[in-house]
Amino acid sequence: LMFTAAAFSDSGQTVRVDVHPRPGLYGLDL
């Protein structure tokens, strides 16, 4: 997962990203 410098609206804020892969599949919940 690649986030650019402009991925979120406010620069300098703290962001938490949670990723949950889906068992048995090429998939995930973000």
PDB file of all heavy atoms in Angstrom:
ATOM      1  N   LEU A   1       0.878  -1.171   0.000  1.00  0.00           N
ATOM      2  CA  LEU A   1       0.000   0.000   0.000  1.00  0.00           C
ATOM      3  C   LEU A   1       0.912   1.216   0.000  1.00  0.00           C
ATOM      4  O   LEU A   1       1.719   1.388   0.920  1.00  0.00           O
ATOM      5  CB  LEU A   1      -0.899   0.012   1.233  1.00  0.00           C
ATOM      6  CG  LEU A   1      -1.897  -1.133   1.304  1.00  0.00           C
ATOM      7  CD1 LEU A   1      -2.373  -1.361   2.724  1.00  0.00           C
ATOM      8  CD2 LEU A   1      -3.074  -0.811   0.401  1.00  0.00           C
ATOM      9  N   MET A   2       0.793   2.043  -1.023  1.00  0.00           N
ATOM     10  CA  MET A   2       1.669   3.204  -1.159  1.00  0.00           C
ATOM     11  C   MET A   2       0.842   4.477  -1.062  1.00  0.00           C
ATOM     12  O   MET A   2      -0.124   4.653  -1.807  1.00  0.00           O
ATOM     13  CB  MET A   2       2.426   3.129  -2.477  1.00  0.00           C
ATOM     14  CG  MET A   2       3.341   1.905  -2.524  1.00  0.00           C
ATOM     15  SD  MET A   2       4.082   1.596  -4.124  1.00  0.00           S
ATOM     16  CE  MET A   2       2.667   0.982  -5.033  1.00  0.00           C
ATOM     17  N   PHE A   3       1.221   5.323  -0.126  1.00  0.00           N
ATOM     18  CA  PHE A   3       0.535   6.588   0.104  1.00  0.00           C
ATOM     19  C   PHE A   3       1.460   7.725  -0.306  1.00  0.00           C
ATOM     20  O   PHE A   3       2.589   7.814   0.166  1.00  0.00           O
ATOM     21  CB  PHE A   3       0.161   6.724   1.587  1.00  0.00           C
ATOM     22  CG  PHE A   3      -0.718   5.608   2.077  1.00  0.00           C
ATOM     23  CD1 PHE A   3      -0.169   4.479   2.667  1.00  0.00           C
ATOM     24  CD2 PHE A   3      -2.094   5.672   1.928  1.00  0.00           C
ATOM     25  CE1 PHE A   3      -0.969   3.438   3.109  1.00  0.00           C
ATOM     26  CE2 PHE A   3      -2.908   4.633   2.361  1.00  0.00           C
ATOM     27  CZ  PHE A   3      -2.345   3.514   2.960  1.00  0.00           C
ATOM     28  N   THR A   4       0.989   8.606  -1.195  1.00  0.00           N
ATOM     29  CA  THR A   4       1.783   9.760  -1.601  1.00  0.00           C
ATOM     30  C   THR A   4       1.763  10.798  -0.486  1.00  0.00           C
ATOM     31  O   THR A   4       0.997  10.682   0.477  1.00  0.00           O
ATOM     32  CB  THR A   4       1.220  10.405  -2.879  1.00  0.00           C
ATOM     33  OG1 THR A   4      -0.075  10.959  -2.582  1.00  0.00           O
ATOM     34  CG2 THR A   4       1.122   9.400  -4.022  1.00  0.00           C
ATOM     35  N   ALA A   5       2.569  11.838  -0.640  1.00  0.00           N
ATOM     36  CA  ALA A   5       2.584  12.924   0.344  1.00  0.00           C
ATOM     37  C   ALA A   5       1.217  13.599   0.440  1.00  0.00           C
ATOM     38  O   ALA A   5       0.848  14.132   1.485  1.00  0.00           O
ATOM     39  CB  ALA A   5       3.659  13.942  -0.024  1.00  0.00           C
ATOM     40  N   ALA A   6       0.440  13.561  -0.638  1.00  0.00           N
ATOM     41  CA  ALA A   6      -0.879  14.203  -0.678  1.00  0.00           C
ATOM     42  C   ALA A   6      -2.030  13.210  -0.498  1.00  0.00           C
ATOM     43  O   ALA A   6      -3.172  13.523  -0.809  1.00  0.00           O
ATOM     44  CB  ALA A   6      -1.042  14.947  -2.000  1.00  0.00           C
ATOM     45  N   ALA A   7      -1.761  12.017   0.034  1.00  0.00           N
ATOM     46  CA  ALA A   7      -2.800  10.989   0.172  1.00  0.00           C
ATOM     47  C   ALA A   7      -3.907  11.386   1.141  1.00  0.00           C
ATOM     48  O   ALA A   7      -5.044  10.956   0.999  1.00  0.00           O
ATOM     49  CB  ALA A   7      -2.184   9.665   0.611  1.00  0.00           C
ATOM     50  N   PHE A   8      -3.570  12.205   2.116  1.00  0.00           N
ATOM     51  CA  PHE A   8      -4.549  12.636   3.118  1.00  0.00           C
ATOM     52  C   PHE A   8      -4.668  14.155   3.067  1.00  0.00           C
ATOM     53  O   PHE A   8      -3.719  14.855   2.718  1.00  0.00           O
ATOM     54  CB  PHE A   8      -4.125  12.163   4.511  1.00  0.00           C
ATOM     55  CG  PHE A   8      -4.010  10.666   4.600  1.00  0.00           C
ATOM     56  CD1 PHE A   8      -2.791  10.034   4.408  1.00  0.00           C
ATOM     57  CD2 PHE A   8      -5.124   9.879   4.842  1.00  0.00           C
ATOM     58  CE1 PHE A   8      -2.677   8.651   4.465  1.00  0.00           C
ATOM     59  CE2 PHE A   8      -5.027   8.500   4.900  1.00  0.00           C
ATOM     60  CZ  PHE A   8      -3.800   7.883   4.711  1.00  0.00           C
ATOM     61  N   SER A   9      -5.835  14.684   3.450  1.00  0.00           N
ATOM     62  CA  SER A   9      -6.115  16.102   3.258  1.00  0.00           C
ATOM     63  C   SER A   9      -5.243  17.036   4.098  1.00  0.00           C
ATOM     64  O   SER A   9      -4.882  18.096   3.636  1.00  0.00           O
ATOM     65  CB  SER A   9      -7.592  16.389   3.513  1.00  0.00           C
ATOM     66  OG  SER A   9      -7.945  15.957   4.805  1.00  0.00           O
ATOM     67  N   ASP A  10      -4.915  16.683   5.304  1.00  0.00           N
ATOM     68  CA  ASP A  10      -4.151  17.586   6.168  1.00  0.00           C
ATOM     69  C   ASP A  10      -2.733  17.089   6.366  1.00  0.00           C
ATOM     70  O   ASP A  10      -2.514  16.017   6.917  1.00  0.00           O
ATOM     71  CB  ASP A  10      -4.836  17.731   7.530  1.00  0.00           C
ATOM     72  CG  ASP A  10      -6.175  18.426   7.435  1.00  0.00           C
ATOM     73  OD1 ASP A  10      -6.299  19.338   6.598  1.00  0.00           O
ATOM     74  OD2 ASP A  10      -7.083  18.062   8.196  1.00  0.00           O
ATOM     75  N   SER A  11      -1.766  17.873   5.930  1.00  0.00           N
ATOM     76  CA  SER A  11      -0.364  17.517   6.091  1.00  0.00           C
ATOM     77  C   SER A  11       0.053  17.705   7.542  1.00  0.00           C
ATOM     78  O   SER A  11      -0.369  18.650   8.206  1.00  0.00           O
ATOM     79  CB  SER A  11       0.494  18.391   5.179  1.00  0.00           C
ATOM     80  OG  SER A  11       1.835  18.003   5.262  1.00  0.00           O
ATOM     81  N   GLY A  12       0.862  16.794   8.060  1.00  0.00           N
ATOM     82  CA  GLY A  12       1.363  16.899   9.422  1.00  0.00           C
ATOM     83  C   GLY A  12       0.472  16.252  10.466  1.00  0.00           C
ATOM     84  O   GLY A  12       0.817  16.233  11.647  1.00  0.00           O
ATOM     85  N   GLN A  13      -0.666  15.726  10.070  1.00  0.00           N
ATOM     86  CA  GLN A  13      -1.555  15.034  10.995  1.00  0.00           C
ATOM     87  C   GLN A  13      -1.074  13.596  11.178  1.00  0.00           C
ATOM     88  O   GLN A  13      -0.392  13.039  10.328  1.00  0.00           O
ATOM     89  CB  GLN A  13      -2.987  15.011  10.452  1.00  0.00           C
ATOM     90  CG  GLN A  13      -3.619  16.360  10.275  1.00  0.00           C
ATOM     91  CD  GLN A  13      -3.973  16.975  11.614  1.00  0.00           C
ATOM     92  OE1 GLN A  13      -4.393  16.292  12.539  1.00  0.00           O
ATOM     93  NE2 GLN A  13      -3.770  18.282  11.725  1.00  0.00           N
ATOM     94  N   THR A  14      -1.462  12.995  12.275  1.00  0.00           N
ATOM     95  CA  THR A  14      -1.166  11.581  12.491  1.00  0.00           C
ATOM     96  C   THR A  14      -2.334  10.764  11.949  1.00  0.00           C
ATOM     97  O   THR A  14      -3.493  11.071  12.228  1.00  0.00           O
ATOM     98  CB  THR A  14      -0.967  11.287  13.988  1.00  0.00           C
ATOM     99  OG1 THR A  14       0.147  12.052  14.443  1.00  0.00           O
ATOM    100  CG2 THR A  14      -0.706   9.818  14.234  1.00  0.00           C
ATOM    101  N   VAL A  15      -2.020   9.734  11.171  1.00  0.00           N
ATOM    102  CA  VAL A  15      -3.046   8.869  10.606  1.00  0.00           C
ATOM    103  C   VAL A  15      -2.738   7.434  11.010  1.00  0.00           C
ATOM    104  O   VAL A  15      -1.582   7.030  11.074  1.00  0.00           O
ATOM    105  CB  VAL A  15      -3.127   9.007   9.068  1.00  0.00           C
ATOM    106  CG1 VAL A  15      -1.838   8.595   8.400  1.00  0.00           C
ATOM    107  CG2 VAL A  15      -4.304   8.227   8.511  1.00  0.00           C
ATOM    108  N   ARG A  16      -3.779   6.697  11.297  1.00  0.00           N
ATOM    109  CA  ARG A  16      -3.632   5.267  11.577  1.00  0.00           C
ATOM    110  C   ARG A  16      -4.257   4.502  10.415  1.00  0.00           C
ATOM    111  O   ARG A  16      -5.389   4.776  10.005  1.00  0.00           O
ATOM    112  CB  ARG A  16      -4.334   4.893  12.878  1.00  0.00           C
ATOM    113  CG  ARG A  16      -4.226   3.404  13.177  1.00  0.00           C
ATOM    114  CD  ARG A  16      -4.939   3.050  14.455  1.00  0.00           C
ATOM    115  NE  ARG A  16      -5.104   1.618  14.523  1.00  0.00           N
ATOM    116  CZ  ARG A  16      -4.932   0.908  15.609  1.00  0.00           C
ATOM    117  NH1 ARG A  16      -4.604   1.498  16.732  1.00  0.00           N
ATOM    118  NH2 ARG A  16      -5.116  -0.403  15.585  1.00  0.00           N
ATOM    119  N   VAL A  17      -3.502   3.536   9.882  1.00  0.00           N
ATOM    120  CA  VAL A  17      -3.967   2.698   8.782  1.00  0.00           C
ATOM    121  C   VAL A  17      -4.010   1.259   9.284  1.00  0.00           C
ATOM    122  O   VAL A  17      -3.005   0.743   9.780  1.00  0.00           O
ATOM    123  CB  VAL A  17      -3.020   2.814   7.562  1.00  0.00           C
ATOM    124  CG1 VAL A  17      -3.463   1.875   6.453  1.00  0.00           C
ATOM    125  CG2 VAL A  17      -2.959   4.254   7.065  1.00  0.00           C
ATOM    126  N   ASP A  18      -5.181   0.637   9.204  1.00  0.00           N
ATOM    127  CA  ASP A  18      -5.360  -0.760   9.606  1.00  0.00           C
ATOM    128  C   ASP A  18      -5.637  -1.588   8.357  1.00  0.00           C
ATOM    129  O   ASP A  18      -6.483  -1.226   7.535  1.00  0.00           O
ATOM    130  CB  ASP A  18      -6.533  -0.915  10.577  1.00  0.00           C
ATOM    131  CG  ASP A  18      -6.291  -0.198  11.893  1.00  0.00           C
ATOM    132  OD1 ASP A  18      -5.191  -0.334  12.445  1.00  0.00           O
ATOM    133  OD2 ASP A  18      -7.216   0.495  12.363  1.00  0.00           O
ATOM    134  N   VAL A  19      -4.908  -2.711   8.235  1.00  0.00           N
ATOM    135  CA  VAL A  19      -5.055  -3.589   7.078  1.00  0.00           C
ATOM    136  C   VAL A  19      -5.333  -4.995   7.586  1.00  0.00           C
ATOM    137  O   VAL A  19      -4.595  -5.524   8.413  1.00  0.00           O
ATOM    138  CB  VAL A  19      -3.780  -3.585   6.209  1.00  0.00           C
ATOM    139  CG1 VAL A  19      -3.999  -4.408   4.953  1.00  0.00           C
ATOM    140  CG2 VAL A  19      -3.358  -2.169   5.868  1.00  0.00           C
ATOM    141  N   HIS A  20      -6.414  -5.591   7.087  1.00  0.00           N
ATOM    142  CA  HIS A  20      -6.822  -6.944   7.478  1.00  0.00           C
ATOM    143  C   HIS A  20      -6.939  -7.802   6.210  1.00  0.00           C
ATOM    144  O   HIS A  20      -7.936  -7.701   5.487  1.00  0.00           O
ATOM    145  CB  HIS A  20      -8.161  -6.917   8.219  1.00  0.00           C
ATOM    146  CG  HIS A  20      -8.163  -6.007   9.400  1.00  0.00           C
ATOM    147  ND1 HIS A  20      -7.555  -6.328  10.592  1.00  0.00           N
ATOM    148  CD2 HIS A  20      -8.674  -4.767   9.554  1.00  0.00           C
ATOM    149  CE1 HIS A  20      -7.703  -5.329  11.446  1.00  0.00           C
ATOM    150  NE2 HIS A  20      -8.369  -4.368  10.833  1.00  0.00           N
ATOM    151  N   PRO A  21      -5.910  -8.618   5.910  1.00  0.00           N
ATOM    152  CA  PRO A  21      -6.001  -9.504   4.744  1.00  0.00           C
ATOM    153  C   PRO A  21      -7.161 -10.487   4.890  1.00  0.00           C
ATOM    154  O   PRO A  21      -7.512 -10.891   5.998  1.00  0.00           O
ATOM    155  CB  PRO A  21      -4.656 -10.242   4.759  1.00  0.00           C
ATOM    156  CG  PRO A  21      -3.745  -9.346   5.522  1.00  0.00           C
ATOM    157  CD  PRO A  21      -4.614  -8.707   6.567  1.00  0.00           C
ATOM    158  N   ARG A  22      -7.759 -10.849   3.780  1.00  0.00           N
ATOM    159  CA  ARG A  22      -8.868 -11.802   3.767  1.00  0.00           C
ATOM    160  C   ARG A  22      -8.311 -13.210   3.613  1.00  0.00           C
ATOM    161  O   ARG A  22      -7.635 -13.495   2.619  1.00  0.00           O
ATOM    162  CB  ARG A  22      -9.843 -11.466   2.645  1.00  0.00           C
ATOM    163  CG  ARG A  22     -10.542 -10.152   2.937  1.00  0.00           C
ATOM    164  CD  ARG A  22     -11.569  -9.843   1.902  1.00  0.00           C
ATOM    165  NE  ARG A  22     -12.433  -8.794   2.452  1.00  0.00           N
ATOM    166  CZ  ARG A  22     -13.743  -8.814   2.390  1.00  0.00           C
ATOM    167  NH1 ARG A  22     -14.364  -9.806   1.781  1.00  0.00           N
ATOM    168  NH2 ARG A  22     -14.451  -7.840   2.901  1.00  0.00           N
ATOM    169  N   PRO A  23      -8.600 -14.093   4.558  1.00  0.00           N
ATOM    170  CA  PRO A  23      -8.028 -15.447   4.520  1.00  0.00           C
ATOM    171  C   PRO A  23      -8.364 -16.193   3.228  1.00  0.00           C
ATOM    172  O   PRO A  23      -9.503 -16.193   2.773  1.00  0.00           O
ATOM    173  CB  PRO A  23      -8.679 -16.142   5.723  1.00  0.00           C
ATOM    174  CG  PRO A  23      -9.116 -15.029   6.621  1.00  0.00           C
ATOM    175  CD  PRO A  23      -9.450 -13.875   5.716  1.00  0.00           C
ATOM    176  N   GLY A  24      -7.333 -16.793   2.619  1.00  0.00           N
ATOM    177  CA  GLY A  24      -7.515 -17.614   1.434  1.00  0.00           C
ATOM    178  C   GLY A  24      -7.702 -16.860   0.137  1.00  0.00           C
ATOM    179  O   GLY A  24      -7.857 -17.460  -0.913  1.00  0.00           O
ATOM    180  N   LEU A  25      -7.701 -15.526   0.191  1.00  0.00           N
ATOM    181  CA  LEU A  25      -7.946 -14.711  -1.000  1.00  0.00           C
ATOM    182  C   LEU A  25      -6.871 -13.650  -1.166  1.00  0.00           C
ATOM    183  O   LEU A  25      -6.246 -13.228  -0.191  1.00  0.00           O
ATOM    184  CB  LEU A  25      -9.293 -13.987  -0.885  1.00  0.00           C
ATOM    185  CG  LEU A  25     -10.538 -14.826  -0.691  1.00  0.00           C
ATOM    186  CD1 LEU A  25     -11.740 -13.926  -0.463  1.00  0.00           C
ATOM    187  CD2 LEU A  25     -10.765 -15.728  -1.893  1.00  0.00           C
ATOM    188  N   TYR A  26      -6.693 -13.209  -2.394  1.00  0.00           N
ATOM    189  CA  TYR A  26      -5.905 -12.001  -2.612  1.00  0.00           C
ATOM    190  C   TYR A  26      -6.875 -10.847  -2.418  1.00  0.00           C
ATOM    191  O   TYR A  26      -7.554 -10.413  -3.344  1.00  0.00           O
ATOM    192  CB  TYR A  26      -5.261 -11.988  -4.002  1.00  0.00           C
ATOM    193  CG  TYR A  26      -3.956 -12.736  -3.994  1.00  0.00           C
ATOM    194  CD1 TYR A  26      -3.896 -14.063  -4.365  1.00  0.00           C
ATOM    195  CD2 TYR A  26      -2.793 -12.117  -3.547  1.00  0.00           C
ATOM    196  CE1 TYR A  26      -2.696 -14.758  -4.330  1.00  0.00           C
ATOM    197  CE2 TYR A  26      -1.595 -12.809  -3.498  1.00  0.00           C
ATOM    198  CZ  TYR A  26      -1.560 -14.130  -3.885  1.00  0.00           C
ATOM    199  OH  TYR A  26      -0.370 -14.806  -3.821  1.00  0.00           O
ATOM    200  N   GLY A  27      -6.983 -10.404  -1.189  1.00  0.00           N
ATOM    201  CA  GLY A  27      -7.895  -9.337  -0.831  1.00  0.00           C
ATOM    202  C   GLY A  27      -7.588  -8.838   0.556  1.00  0.00           C
ATOM    203  O   GLY A  27      -6.921  -9.514   1.348  1.00  0.00           O
ATOM    204  N   LEU A  28      -8.077  -7.635   0.852  1.00  0.00           N
ATOM    205  CA  LEU A  28      -7.866  -7.062   2.178  1.00  0.00           C
ATOM    206  C   LEU A  28      -8.919  -6.007   2.474  1.00  0.00           C
ATOM    207  O   LEU A  28      -9.568  -5.483   1.575  1.00  0.00           O
ATOM    208  CB  LEU A  28      -6.450  -6.472   2.292  1.00  0.00           C
ATOM    209  CG  LEU A  28      -6.002  -5.423   1.277  1.00  0.00           C
ATOM    210  CD1 LEU A  28      -6.486  -4.023   1.621  1.00  0.00           C
ATOM    211  CD2 LEU A  28      -4.486  -5.423   1.207  1.00  0.00           C
ATOM    212  N   ASP A  29      -9.073  -5.740   3.769  1.00  0.00           N
ATOM    213  CA  ASP A  29      -9.932  -4.663   4.246  1.00  0.00           C
ATOM    214  C   ASP A  29      -9.023  -3.564   4.763  1.00  0.00           C
ATOM    215  O   ASP A  29      -8.090  -3.827   5.534  1.00  0.00           O
ATOM    216  CB  ASP A  29     -10.862  -5.156   5.354  1.00  0.00           C
ATOM    217  CG  ASP A  29     -11.811  -6.242   4.874  1.00  0.00           C
ATOM    218  OD1 ASP A  29     -12.279  -6.153   3.726  1.00  0.00           O
ATOM    219  OD2 ASP A  29     -12.076  -7.178   5.641  1.00  0.00           O
ATOM    220  N   LEU A  30      -9.281  -2.339   4.339  1.00  0.00           N
ATOM    221  CA  LEU A  30      -8.452  -1.191   4.675  1.00  0.00           C
ATOM    222  C   LEU A  30      -9.284  -0.140   5.392  1.00  0.00           C
ATOM    223  O   LEU A  30     -10.343   0.252   4.896  1.00  0.00           O
ATOM    224  CB  LEU A  30      -7.866  -0.597   3.388  1.00  0.00           C
ATOM    225  CG  LEU A  30      -7.147   0.733   3.489  1.00  0.00           C
ATOM    226  CD1 LEU A  30      -5.821   0.562   4.240  1.00  0.00           C
ATOM    227  CD2 LEU A  30      -6.888   1.309   2.102  1.00  0.00           C
TER     228      LEU A  30
END
